[in-house]
Amino acid sequence: MRTALVVLASVVGAAGEVSAADTGVYESKPTALYVQLGLGTPLGELGLEAEQTLTSHLAVAAGAGWGAGGPQGAAMARLRLGGDRAKLVIGAGLSGGPYEWIRFCGDEWSTCPHKSGTVAWTNLEIGGSHRERNGFSLRYFVGYGRIVAGNYGCDPDGPNDMAYDRCITTYRDGGKNLLYTGLAFGYAF
């Protein structure tokens, strides 16, 4: 009986060691804090983000940053597929904040249409994620955003209204779609 208990304890102990060894770095260090840099990202050009691993393939993230129009905020769910330390990441989420769009044109600057407002975006992105055993984490991504709500519209431009007229006639949907790219680095614990 004593031998059976020792064998059982050894098997249970070995199974615990195997499952701990099989646990990936994303599960063993499930919380990550990132500094994000990018062009047109949901967090703007510079932001801070917190990401929490929920399962081996699913994480959620939220953050805030600063874009060309002002403060930005975002939340995203991420599907992560791949190995222990490197994963393909597909994300979908929402973001919002002030936004400005200017159509650069070759003619006189006063006729270039421009829009502004506070908006909400839906975002879809794809990229990669790497997490080292010491906690260093890196993400890179490209994405697509589309305005889905807000008070976004053509800005009146003064006494001649040439840019405004051009904005509402030719560029009615201008600036509602955005391609973006970014890089985030941080630490997981």
Protein backbone atom coordinates (compact mmCIF):
# COMPACT_ATOMS: atom_id res chain seq x y z
CA MET A 1 0.00 0.00 0.00
CA ARG A 2 2.83 2.36 0.92
CA THR A 3 4.58 1.60 -2.38
CA ALA A 4 1.35 2.28 -4.30
CA LEU A 5 1.03 5.71 -2.61
CA VAL A 6 4.65 6.57 -3.41
CA VAL A 7 4.14 5.55 -7.06
CA LEU A 8 0.85 7.50 -7.25
CA ALA A 9 2.49 10.59 -5.72
CA SER A 10 5.38 10.28 -8.19
CA VAL A 11 3.01 10.01 -11.17
CA VAL A 12 0.94 13.01 -10.00
CA GLY A 13 4.13 15.01 -9.35
CA ALA A 14 5.55 14.11 -12.76
CA ALA A 15 2.26 15.05 -14.46
CA GLY A 16 2.35 18.40 -12.69
CA GLU A 17 5.91 18.99 -13.90
CA VAL A 18 5.02 18.02 -17.46
CA SER A 19 1.99 20.32 -17.57
CA ALA A 20 4.05 23.19 -16.10
CA ALA A 21 6.71 22.58 -18.74
CA ASP A 22 4.03 22.46 -21.45
CA THR A 23 2.57 25.79 -20.34
CA GLY A 24 3.60 28.41 -22.85
CA VAL A 25 5.17 31.71 -21.95
CA TYR A 26 1.90 33.52 -22.84
CA GLU A 27 0.09 31.51 -20.16
CA SER A 28 2.88 31.66 -17.58
CA LYS A 29 3.22 35.45 -18.06
CA PRO A 30 -0.39 36.37 -18.97
CA THR A 31 -0.32 40.14 -18.43
CA ALA A 32 1.70 42.43 -20.70
CA LEU A 33 2.21 46.20 -20.71
CA TYR A 34 3.26 47.78 -24.02
CA VAL A 35 4.48 51.10 -25.40
CA GLN A 36 3.06 51.39 -28.91
CA LEU A 37 4.36 53.48 -31.82
CA GLY A 38 2.55 53.73 -35.14
CA LEU A 39 0.93 55.56 -37.98
CA GLY A 40 -2.83 56.01 -37.60
CA THR A 41 -3.19 53.15 -35.09
CA PRO A 42 -6.21 52.86 -32.77
CA LEU A 43 -4.01 54.34 -30.01
CA GLY A 44 -2.64 57.10 -32.25
CA GLU A 45 1.05 57.66 -32.93
CA LEU A 46 2.13 56.95 -29.32
CA GLY A 47 0.22 54.92 -26.76
CA LEU A 48 0.23 52.62 -23.75
CA GLU A 49 -1.59 49.30 -23.78
CA ALA A 50 -2.35 46.50 -21.29
CA GLU A 51 -3.02 43.00 -22.65
CA GLN A 52 -4.42 40.05 -20.70
CA THR A 53 -4.18 36.43 -21.89
CA LEU A 54 -7.50 34.66 -21.29
CA THR A 55 -6.76 31.28 -22.91
CA SER A 56 -3.89 29.83 -24.91
CA HIS A 57 -5.41 31.39 -28.06
CA LEU A 58 -7.35 34.44 -26.84
CA ALA A 59 -6.33 37.77 -25.30
CA VAL A 60 -7.99 41.14 -24.68
CA ALA A 61 -6.28 44.53 -24.67
CA ALA A 62 -7.13 48.13 -23.81
CA GLY A 63 -5.12 51.29 -24.01
CA ALA A 64 -4.87 55.02 -24.54
CA GLY A 65 -2.61 57.21 -26.59
CA TRP A 66 -2.15 60.39 -28.57
CA GLY A 67 -2.92 60.83 -32.26
CA ALA A 68 -2.74 63.77 -34.64
CA GLY A 69 -6.19 64.96 -33.51
CA GLY A 70 -5.72 64.43 -29.77
CA PRO A 71 -6.27 61.66 -27.19
CA GLN A 72 -7.32 58.19 -28.39
CA GLY A 73 -8.69 55.12 -26.62
CA ALA A 74 -9.05 51.53 -27.85
CA ALA A 75 -10.06 48.00 -26.86
CA MET A 76 -9.41 44.84 -28.87
CA ALA A 77 -9.86 41.06 -28.71
CA ARG A 78 -6.99 39.06 -30.20
CA LEU A 79 -6.85 35.52 -31.54
CA ARG A 80 -3.27 34.18 -31.25
CA LEU A 81 -2.15 31.11 -33.17
CA GLY A 82 1.30 29.56 -33.20
CA GLY A 83 4.09 28.28 -31.04
CA ASP A 84 5.19 28.84 -27.47
CA ARG A 85 6.88 32.23 -27.96
CA ALA A 86 5.90 33.41 -31.47
CA LYS A 87 2.32 33.76 -32.66
CA LEU A 88 0.25 35.01 -35.57
CA VAL A 89 -2.25 37.54 -34.19
CA ILE A 90 -5.64 38.52 -35.62
CA GLY A 91 -7.44 41.28 -33.74
CA ALA A 92 -10.80 43.06 -33.86
CA GLY A 93 -11.93 45.96 -31.74
CA LEU A 94 -13.20 49.49 -31.26
CA SER A 95 -11.42 52.80 -30.82
CA GLY A 96 -12.32 56.44 -30.60
CA GLY A 97 -11.18 60.02 -30.25
CA PRO A 98 -10.75 63.25 -32.20
CA TYR A 99 -9.85 62.80 -35.85
CA GLU A 100 -8.74 65.15 -38.63
CA TRP A 101 -8.54 64.40 -42.34
CA ILE A 102 -7.06 66.64 -45.04
CA ARG A 103 -7.11 65.82 -48.73
CA PHE A 104 -3.73 66.96 -50.02
CA CYS A 105 -4.18 68.50 -53.44
CA GLY A 106 -1.91 69.98 -56.05
CA ASP A 107 -3.84 73.19 -56.48
CA GLU A 108 -4.02 76.11 -54.08
CA TRP A 109 -4.08 75.01 -50.41
CA SER A 110 -7.27 76.98 -49.74
CA THR A 111 -9.27 74.59 -51.93
CA CYS A 112 -8.03 71.39 -50.23
CA PRO A 113 -10.97 69.80 -48.40
CA HIS A 114 -10.64 68.95 -44.72
CA LYS A 115 -12.82 67.18 -42.14
CA SER A 116 -12.73 66.77 -38.39
CA GLY A 117 -14.77 65.41 -35.52
CA THR A 118 -14.84 62.99 -32.62
CA VAL A 119 -15.43 59.50 -33.97
CA ALA A 120 -15.64 55.80 -33.14
CA TRP A 121 -13.85 53.25 -35.32
CA THR A 122 -14.09 49.52 -35.85
CA ASN A 123 -10.65 48.01 -36.35
CA LEU A 124 -9.33 44.78 -37.83
CA GLU A 125 -5.63 43.92 -37.74
CA ILE A 126 -3.16 41.13 -38.43
CA GLY A 127 0.39 40.81 -37.18
CA GLY A 128 2.81 38.90 -35.04
CA SER A 129 3.65 38.63 -31.37
CA HIS A 130 6.82 37.41 -29.65
CA ARG A 131 7.26 36.87 -25.92
CA GLU A 132 10.52 35.80 -24.32
CA ARG A 133 10.71 33.73 -21.13
CA ASN A 134 12.19 36.74 -19.28
CA GLY A 135 9.01 38.73 -20.12
CA PHE A 136 10.22 40.94 -22.99
CA SER A 137 7.33 41.22 -25.47
CA LEU A 138 7.08 42.56 -29.01
CA ARG A 139 4.06 43.04 -31.30
CA TYR A 140 3.88 44.34 -34.87
CA PHE A 141 0.78 44.76 -36.98
CA VAL A 142 -1.03 46.28 -39.93
CA GLY A 143 -4.69 47.11 -39.80
CA TYR A 144 -7.80 48.64 -41.26
CA GLY A 145 -10.14 51.03 -39.47
CA ARG A 146 -13.53 52.42 -40.50
CA ILE A 147 -15.51 55.23 -38.89
CA VAL A 148 -18.84 53.86 -37.61
CA ALA A 149 -20.11 56.72 -35.42
CA GLY A 150 -19.43 60.30 -34.43
CA ASN A 151 -19.80 63.87 -35.57
CA TYR A 152 -17.34 63.70 -38.46
CA GLY A 153 -17.87 66.17 -41.29
CA CYS A 154 -16.49 68.81 -43.64
CA ASP A 155 -15.08 71.91 -41.95
CA PRO A 156 -16.18 75.34 -43.16
CA ASP A 157 -13.10 77.14 -44.46
CA GLY A 158 -13.91 80.82 -44.36
CA PRO A 159 -15.35 83.43 -46.66
CA ASN A 160 -14.92 81.71 -50.04
CA ASP A 161 -15.98 78.18 -48.95
CA MET A 162 -14.24 76.60 -51.97
CA ALA A 163 -12.70 73.79 -49.91
CA TYR A 164 -16.00 73.18 -48.08
CA ASP A 165 -17.95 72.97 -51.34
CA ARG A 166 -15.36 70.60 -52.78
CA CYS A 167 -15.44 68.51 -49.59
CA ILE A 168 -19.20 67.93 -49.56
CA THR A 169 -19.45 67.26 -53.30
CA THR A 170 -16.32 65.30 -54.24
CA TYR A 171 -15.04 63.86 -50.91
CA ARG A 172 -18.26 62.97 -49.11
CA ASP A 173 -16.78 59.65 -47.83
CA GLY A 174 -13.17 60.84 -47.72
CA GLY A 175 -11.22 59.81 -44.63
CA LYS A 176 -13.73 57.23 -43.36
CA ASN A 177 -11.37 54.32 -44.09
CA LEU A 178 -7.85 54.13 -42.74
CA LEU A 179 -4.95 51.72 -43.15
CA TYR A 180 -2.51 51.72 -40.24
CA THR A 181 0.65 50.06 -39.00
CA GLY A 182 2.45 49.89 -35.70
CA LEU A 183 4.97 48.32 -33.36
CA ALA A 184 4.63 47.70 -29.63
CA PHE A 185 7.25 46.58 -27.14
CA GLY A 186 6.96 45.91 -23.46
CA TYR A 187 7.14 43.47 -20.58
CA ALA A 188 4.93 40.55 -19.52
CA PHE A 189 4.52 39.20 -16.02
